[in-house]
């Protein structure tokens, strides 16, 4: 059970970080607070980088499901 709790904590952190980066990228792309071209480039970079923690969260969730189904 401790393993599942640790994995859940990791999942929540990664998902939260990915969601925050995704939202930040959207804000930069839509509102353009730091100039037109600069905001678009920064927003695209942040948007693309947000998929790294989101994919890691997806993999962690898959591992959690496997551990839960095995009954460990």
PDB file of N, CA and C in Angstrom:
ATOM      1  N   UNK A   1       0.800  -1.198   0.000  1.00  0.00           N
ATOM      2  CA  UNK A   1       0.000   0.000   0.000  1.00  0.00           C
ATOM      3  C   UNK A   1       0.846   1.266   0.000  1.00  0.00           C
ATOM      4  N   UNK A   2       2.001   1.198   0.648  1.00  0.00           N
ATOM      5  CA  UNK A   2       2.866   2.372   0.664  1.00  0.00           C
ATOM      6  C   UNK A   2       3.352   2.712  -0.737  1.00  0.00           C
ATOM      7  N   UNK A   3       3.567   1.678  -1.545  1.00  0.00           N
ATOM      8  CA  UNK A   3       4.016   1.901  -2.908  1.00  0.00           C
ATOM      9  C   UNK A   3       2.942   2.640  -3.719  1.00  0.00           C
ATOM     10  N   UNK A   4       1.692   2.258  -3.530  1.00  0.00           N
ATOM     11  CA  UNK A   4       0.597   2.933  -4.236  1.00  0.00           C
ATOM     12  C   UNK A   4       0.448   4.384  -3.786  1.00  0.00           C
ATOM     13  N   UNK A   5       0.612   4.630  -2.497  1.00  0.00           N
ATOM     14  CA  UNK A   5       0.501   6.004  -1.995  1.00  0.00           C
ATOM     15  C   UNK A   5       1.620   6.878  -2.551  1.00  0.00           C
ATOM     16  N   UNK A   6       2.815   6.333  -2.614  1.00  0.00           N
ATOM     17  CA  UNK A   6       3.937   7.079  -3.173  1.00  0.00           C
ATOM     18  C   UNK A   6       3.739   7.342  -4.666  1.00  0.00           C
ATOM     19  N   UNK A   7       3.232   6.354  -5.370  1.00  0.00           N
ATOM     20  CA  UNK A   7       2.959   6.537  -6.799  1.00  0.00           C
ATOM     21  C   UNK A   7       1.845   7.550  -7.016  1.00  0.00           C
ATOM     22  N   UNK A   8       0.842   7.541  -6.160  1.00  0.00           N
ATOM     23  CA  UNK A   8      -0.243   8.508  -6.286  1.00  0.00           C
ATOM     24  C   UNK A   8       0.275   9.926  -6.052  1.00  0.00           C
ATOM     25  N   UNK A   9       1.152  10.087  -5.065  1.00  0.00           N
ATOM     26  CA  UNK A   9       1.739  11.394  -4.795  1.00  0.00           C
ATOM     27  C   UNK A   9       2.550  11.870  -5.995  1.00  0.00           C
ATOM     28  N   UNK A  10       3.318  10.969  -6.580  1.00  0.00           N
ATOM     29  CA  UNK A  10       4.108  11.308  -7.767  1.00  0.00           C
ATOM     30  C   UNK A  10       3.197  11.669  -8.933  1.00  0.00           C
ATOM     31  N   UNK A  11       2.140  10.898  -9.122  1.00  0.00           N
ATOM     32  CA  UNK A  11       1.183  11.163 -10.192  1.00  0.00           C
ATOM     33  C   UNK A  11       0.571  12.550 -10.036  1.00  0.00           C
ATOM     34  N   UNK A  12       0.132  12.871  -8.832  1.00  0.00           N
ATOM     35  CA  UNK A  12      -0.508  14.169  -8.601  1.00  0.00           C
ATOM     36  C   UNK A  12       0.452  15.324  -8.872  1.00  0.00           C
ATOM     37  N   UNK A  13       1.703  15.178  -8.448  1.00  0.00           N
ATOM     38  CA  UNK A  13       2.692  16.233  -8.676  1.00  0.00           C
ATOM     39  C   UNK A  13       2.963  16.419 -10.163  1.00  0.00           C
ATOM     40  N   UNK A  14       3.161  15.312 -10.871  1.00  0.00           N
ATOM     41  CA  UNK A  14       3.444  15.408 -12.304  1.00  0.00           C
ATOM     42  C   UNK A  14       2.257  15.962 -13.072  1.00  0.00           C
ATOM     43  N   UNK A  15       1.059  15.509 -12.734  1.00  0.00           N
ATOM     44  CA  UNK A  15      -0.137  15.994 -13.416  1.00  0.00           C
ATOM     45  C   UNK A  15      -0.365  17.473 -13.133  1.00  0.00           C
ATOM     46  N   UNK A  16      -0.139  17.878 -11.897  1.00  0.00           N
ATOM     47  CA  UNK A  16      -0.292  19.291 -11.548  1.00  0.00           C
ATOM     48  C   UNK A  16       0.714  20.168 -12.272  1.00  0.00           C
ATOM     49  N   UNK A  17       1.956  19.721 -12.331  1.00  0.00           N
ATOM     50  CA  UNK A  17       2.984  20.478 -13.029  1.00  0.00           C
ATOM     51  C   UNK A  17       2.670  20.572 -14.517  1.00  0.00           C
ATOM     52  N   UNK A  18       2.276  19.462 -15.118  1.00  0.00           N
ATOM     53  CA  UNK A  18       1.936  19.463 -16.535  1.00  0.00           C
ATOM     54  C   UNK A  18       0.742  20.353 -16.840  1.00  0.00           C
ATOM     55  N   UNK A  19      -0.262  20.308 -15.990  1.00  0.00           N
ATOM     56  CA  UNK A  19      -1.448  21.148 -16.190  1.00  0.00           C
ATOM     57  C   UNK A  19      -1.107  22.622 -16.040  1.00  0.00           C
ATOM     58  N   UNK A  20      -0.264  22.946 -15.061  1.00  0.00           N
ATOM     59  CA  UNK A  20       0.147  24.330 -14.868  1.00  0.00           C
ATOM     60  C   UNK A  20       0.938  24.847 -16.064  1.00  0.00           C
ATOM     61  N   UNK A  21       1.846  24.033 -16.576  1.00  0.00           N
ATOM     62  CA  UNK A  21       2.615  24.436 -17.756  1.00  0.00           C
ATOM     63  C   UNK A  21       1.701  24.591 -18.979  1.00  0.00           C
ATOM     64  N   UNK A  22       0.751  23.696 -19.129  1.00  0.00           N
ATOM     65  CA  UNK A  22      -0.190  23.776 -20.250  1.00  0.00           C
ATOM     66  C   UNK A  22      -1.011  25.060 -20.172  1.00  0.00           C
ATOM     67  N   UNK A  23      -1.497  25.372 -18.989  1.00  0.00           N
ATOM     68  CA  UNK A  23      -2.270  26.598 -18.797  1.00  0.00           C
ATOM     69  C   UNK A  23      -1.408  27.834 -19.053  1.00  0.00           C
ATOM     70  N   UNK A  24      -0.172  27.809 -18.576  1.00  0.00           N
ATOM     71  CA  UNK A  24       0.735  28.934 -18.804  1.00  0.00           C
ATOM     72  C   UNK A  24       0.998  29.128 -20.295  1.00  0.00           C
ATOM     73  N   UNK A  25       1.190  28.045 -21.013  1.00  0.00           N
ATOM     74  CA  UNK A  25       1.395  28.133 -22.451  1.00  0.00           C
ATOM     75  C   UNK A  25       0.189  28.733 -23.157  1.00  0.00           C
ATOM     76  N   UNK A  26      -1.007  28.322 -22.759  1.00  0.00           N
ATOM     77  CA  UNK A  26      -2.218  28.885 -23.353  1.00  0.00           C
ATOM     78  C   UNK A  26      -2.348  30.374 -23.049  1.00  0.00           C
ATOM     79  N   UNK A  27      -2.047  30.759 -21.817  1.00  0.00           N
ATOM     80  CA  UNK A  27      -2.127  32.179 -21.448  1.00  0.00           C
ATOM     81  C   UNK A  27      -1.156  32.992 -22.286  1.00  0.00           C
ATOM     82  N   UNK A  28       0.064  32.485 -22.465  1.00  0.00           N
ATOM     83  CA  UNK A  28       1.042  33.210 -23.274  1.00  0.00           C
ATOM     84  C   UNK A  28       0.594  33.319 -24.728  1.00  0.00           C
ATOM     85  N   UNK A  29      -0.016  32.272 -25.243  1.00  0.00           N
ATOM     86  CA  UNK A  29      -0.462  32.299 -26.632  1.00  0.00           C
ATOM     87  C   UNK A  29      -1.693  33.183 -26.850  1.00  0.00           C
ATOM     88  N   UNK A  30      -2.586  33.221 -25.885  1.00  0.00           N
ATOM     89  CA  UNK A  30      -3.833  33.955 -26.068  1.00  0.00           C
ATOM     90  C   UNK A  30      -3.678  35.443 -25.726  1.00  0.00           C
ATOM     91  N   UNK A  31      -3.103  35.740 -24.555  1.00  0.00           N
ATOM     92  CA  UNK A  31      -3.067  37.128 -24.091  1.00  0.00           C
ATOM     93  C   UNK A  31      -1.807  37.888 -24.514  1.00  0.00           C
ATOM     94  N   UNK A  32      -0.744  37.178 -24.835  1.00  0.00           N
ATOM     95  CA  UNK A  32       0.520  37.774 -25.294  1.00  0.00           C
ATOM     96  C   UNK A  32       1.008  38.895 -24.387  1.00  0.00           C
ATOM     97  N   UNK A  33       1.317  38.564 -23.113  1.00  0.00           N
ATOM     98  CA  UNK A  33       1.680  39.618 -22.154  1.00  0.00           C
ATOM     99  C   UNK A  33       3.093  40.175 -22.330  1.00  0.00           C
ATOM    100  N   UNK A  34       3.984  39.501 -23.026  1.00  0.00           N
ATOM    101  CA  UNK A  34       5.369  39.981 -23.130  1.00  0.00           C
ATOM    102  C   UNK A  34       5.747  40.327 -24.567  1.00  0.00           C
ATOM    103  N   UNK A  35       4.808  40.832 -25.298  1.00  0.00           N
ATOM    104  CA  UNK A  35       5.080  41.187 -26.691  1.00  0.00           C
ATOM    105  C   UNK A  35       4.513  40.142 -27.629  1.00  0.00           C
ATOM    106  N   UNK A  36       4.298  40.514 -28.848  1.00  0.00           N
ATOM    107  CA  UNK A  36       3.611  39.650 -29.802  1.00  0.00           C
ATOM    108  C   UNK A  36       4.433  38.415 -30.157  1.00  0.00           C
ATOM    109  N   UNK A  37       5.600  38.615 -30.749  1.00  0.00           N
ATOM    110  CA  UNK A  37       6.408  37.472 -31.202  1.00  0.00           C
ATOM    111  C   UNK A  37       6.992  36.691 -30.030  1.00  0.00           C
ATOM    112  N   UNK A  38       7.456  37.411 -29.009  1.00  0.00           N
ATOM    113  CA  UNK A  38       8.081  36.761 -27.855  1.00  0.00           C
ATOM    114  C   UNK A  38       7.089  35.859 -27.132  1.00  0.00           C
ATOM    115  N   UNK A  39       5.868  36.332 -26.954  1.00  0.00           N
ATOM    116  CA  UNK A  39       4.853  35.534 -26.262  1.00  0.00           C
ATOM    117  C   UNK A  39       4.478  34.289 -27.052  1.00  0.00           C
ATOM    118  N   UNK A  40       4.407  34.418 -28.360  1.00  0.00           N
ATOM    119  CA  UNK A  40       4.045  33.261 -29.186  1.00  0.00           C
ATOM    120  C   UNK A  40       5.131  32.201 -29.106  1.00  0.00           C
ATOM    121  N   UNK A  41       6.388  32.617 -29.226  1.00  0.00           N
ATOM    122  CA  UNK A  41       7.492  31.649 -29.163  1.00  0.00           C
ATOM    123  C   UNK A  41       7.573  31.020 -27.778  1.00  0.00           C
ATOM    124  N   UNK A  42       7.508  31.844 -26.733  1.00  0.00           N
ATOM    125  CA  UNK A  42       7.567  31.318 -25.362  1.00  0.00           C
ATOM    126  C   UNK A  42       6.365  30.416 -25.076  1.00  0.00           C
ATOM    127  N   UNK A  43       5.196  30.816 -25.548  1.00  0.00           N
ATOM    128  CA  UNK A  43       4.000  29.999 -25.332  1.00  0.00           C
ATOM    129  C   UNK A  43       4.089  28.645 -26.004  1.00  0.00           C
ATOM    130  N   UNK A  44       4.614  28.616 -27.225  1.00  0.00           N
ATOM    131  CA  UNK A  44       4.773  27.337 -27.919  1.00  0.00           C
ATOM    132  C   UNK A  44       5.776  26.432 -27.217  1.00  0.00           C
ATOM    133  N   UNK A  45       6.867  27.018 -26.745  1.00  0.00           N
ATOM    134  CA  UNK A  45       7.876  26.219 -26.042  1.00  0.00           C
ATOM    135  C   UNK A  45       7.303  25.654 -24.751  1.00  0.00           C
ATOM    136  N   UNK A  46       6.638  26.505 -23.962  1.00  0.00           N
ATOM    137  CA  UNK A  46       6.040  26.041 -22.701  1.00  0.00           C
ATOM    138  C   UNK A  46       4.952  25.006 -22.971  1.00  0.00           C
ATOM    139  N   UNK A  47       4.154  25.235 -23.996  1.00  0.00           N
ATOM    140  CA  UNK A  47       3.090  24.297 -24.365  1.00  0.00           C
ATOM    141  C   UNK A  47       3.677  22.924 -24.704  1.00  0.00           C
ATOM    142  N   UNK A  48       4.737  22.902 -25.504  1.00  0.00           N
ATOM    143  CA  UNK A  48       5.353  21.628 -25.876  1.00  0.00           C
ATOM    144  C   UNK A  48       6.029  20.956 -24.685  1.00  0.00           C
ATOM    145  N   UNK A  49       6.656  21.737 -23.820  1.00  0.00           N
ATOM    146  CA  UNK A  49       7.313  21.161 -22.642  1.00  0.00           C
ATOM    147  C   UNK A  49       6.313  20.602 -21.637  1.00  0.00           C
ATOM    148  N   UNK A  50       5.083  21.074 -21.674  1.00  0.00           N
ATOM    149  CA  UNK A  50       4.083  20.595 -20.720  1.00  0.00           C
ATOM    150  C   UNK A  50       3.737  19.128 -20.953  1.00  0.00           C
ATOM    151  N   UNK A  51       3.986  18.620 -22.141  1.00  0.00           N
ATOM    152  CA  UNK A  51       3.643  17.229 -22.409  1.00  0.00           C
ATOM    153  C   UNK A  51       4.601  16.238 -21.752  1.00  0.00           C
ATOM    154  N   UNK A  52       5.779  16.679 -21.354  1.00  0.00           N
ATOM    155  CA  UNK A  52       6.728  15.779 -20.691  1.00  0.00           C
ATOM    156  C   UNK A  52       6.190  15.308 -19.343  1.00  0.00           C
ATOM    157  N   UNK A  53       5.846  16.231 -18.413  1.00  0.00           N
ATOM    158  CA  UNK A  53       5.296  15.726 -17.146  1.00  0.00           C
ATOM    159  C   UNK A  53       3.936  15.058 -17.301  1.00  0.00           C
ATOM    160  N   UNK A  54       3.139  15.488 -18.281  1.00  0.00           N
ATOM    161  CA  UNK A  54       1.846  14.831 -18.488  1.00  0.00           C
ATOM    162  C   UNK A  54       2.019  13.388 -18.953  1.00  0.00           C
ATOM    163  N   UNK A  55       3.001  13.137 -19.805  1.00  0.00           N
ATOM    164  CA  UNK A  55       3.260  11.767 -20.242  1.00  0.00           C
ATOM    165  C   UNK A  55       3.821  10.933 -19.094  1.00  0.00           C
ATOM    166  N   UNK A  56       4.676  11.531 -18.270  1.00  0.00           N
ATOM    167  CA  UNK A  56       5.201  10.811 -17.116  1.00  0.00           C
ATOM    168  C   UNK A  56       4.077  10.479 -16.134  1.00  0.00           C
ATOM    169  N   UNK A  57       3.105  11.383 -15.977  1.00  0.00           N
ATOM    170  CA  UNK A  57       1.949  11.116 -15.118  1.00  0.00           C
ATOM    171  C   UNK A  57       1.112   9.973 -15.684  1.00  0.00           C
ATOM    172  N   UNK A  58       0.953   9.938 -17.004  1.00  0.00           N
ATOM    173  CA  UNK A  58       0.200   8.853 -17.638  1.00  0.00           C
ATOM    174  C   UNK A  58       0.876   7.508 -17.385  1.00  0.00           C
ATOM    175  N   UNK A  59       2.194   7.487 -17.510  1.00  0.00           N
ATOM    176  CA  UNK A  59       2.927   6.238 -17.269  1.00  0.00           C
ATOM    177  C   UNK A  59       2.831   5.812 -15.810  1.00  0.00           C
ATOM    178  N   UNK A  60       2.876   6.779 -14.901  1.00  0.00           N
ATOM    179  CA  UNK A  60       2.744   6.467 -13.479  1.00  0.00           C
ATOM    180  C   UNK A  60       1.357   5.912 -13.183  1.00  0.00           C
ATOM    181  N   UNK A  61       0.332   6.475 -13.798  1.00  0.00           N
ATOM    182  CA  UNK A  61      -1.031   5.977 -13.594  1.00  0.00           C
ATOM    183  C   UNK A  61      -1.167   4.545 -14.109  1.00  0.00           C
ATOM    184  N   UNK A  62      -0.519   4.269 -15.217  1.00  0.00           N
ATOM    185  CA  UNK A  62      -0.569   2.902 -15.752  1.00  0.00           C
ATOM    186  C   UNK A  62       0.116   1.916 -14.794  1.00  0.00           C
ATOM    187  N   UNK A  63       1.258   2.314 -14.235  1.00  0.00           N
ATOM    188  CA  UNK A  63       1.945   1.461 -13.257  1.00  0.00           C
ATOM    189  C   UNK A  63       1.101   1.268 -12.012  1.00  0.00           C
ATOM    190  N   UNK A  64       0.421   2.329 -11.585  1.00  0.00           N
ATOM    191  CA  UNK A  64      -0.454   2.217 -10.421  1.00  0.00           C
ATOM    192  C   UNK A  64      -1.564   1.203 -10.670  1.00  0.00           C
ATOM    193  N   UNK A  65      -2.122   1.208 -11.864  1.00  0.00           N
ATOM    194  CA  UNK A  65      -3.193   0.270 -12.192  1.00  0.00           C
ATOM    195  C   UNK A  65      -2.678  -1.167 -12.169  1.00  0.00           C
ATOM    196  N   UNK A  66      -1.482  -1.369 -12.682  1.00  0.00           N
ATOM    197  CA  UNK A  66      -0.907  -2.713 -12.686  1.00  0.00           C
ATOM    198  C   UNK A  66      -0.652  -3.190 -11.275  1.00  0.00           C
ATOM    199  N   UNK A  67      -0.099  -2.324 -10.437  1.00  0.00           N
ATOM    200  CA  UNK A  67       0.175  -2.704  -9.039  1.00  0.00           C
ATOM    201  C   UNK A  67      -1.129  -2.980  -8.310  1.00  0.00           C
ATOM    202  N   UNK A  68      -2.160  -2.168  -8.536  1.00  0.00           N
ATOM    203  CA  UNK A  68      -3.439  -2.364  -7.851  1.00  0.00           C
ATOM    204  C   UNK A  68      -4.111  -3.667  -8.292  1.00  0.00           C
ATOM    205  N   UNK A  69      -4.003  -3.999  -9.562  1.00  0.00           N
ATOM    206  CA  UNK A  69      -4.635  -5.229 -10.045  1.00  0.00           C
ATOM    207  C   UNK A  69      -3.910  -6.477  -9.569  1.00  0.00           C
ATOM    208  N   UNK A  70      -2.627  -6.363  -9.360  1.00  0.00           N
ATOM    209  CA  UNK A  70      -1.866  -7.509  -8.841  1.00  0.00           C
ATOM    210  C   UNK A  70      -2.148  -7.739  -7.361  1.00  0.00           C
ATOM    211  N   UNK A  71      -2.610  -6.712  -6.666  1.00  0.00           N
ATOM    212  CA  UNK A  71      -2.941  -6.849  -5.258  1.00  0.00           C
ATOM    213  C   UNK A  71      -1.766  -6.726  -4.332  1.00  0.00           C
ATOM    214  N   UNK A  72      -0.732  -6.033  -4.756  1.00  0.00           N
ATOM    215  CA  UNK A  72       0.438  -5.856  -3.881  1.00  0.00           C
ATOM    216  C   UNK A  72       0.194  -4.799  -2.854  1.00  0.00           C
TER     217      UNK A  72
END
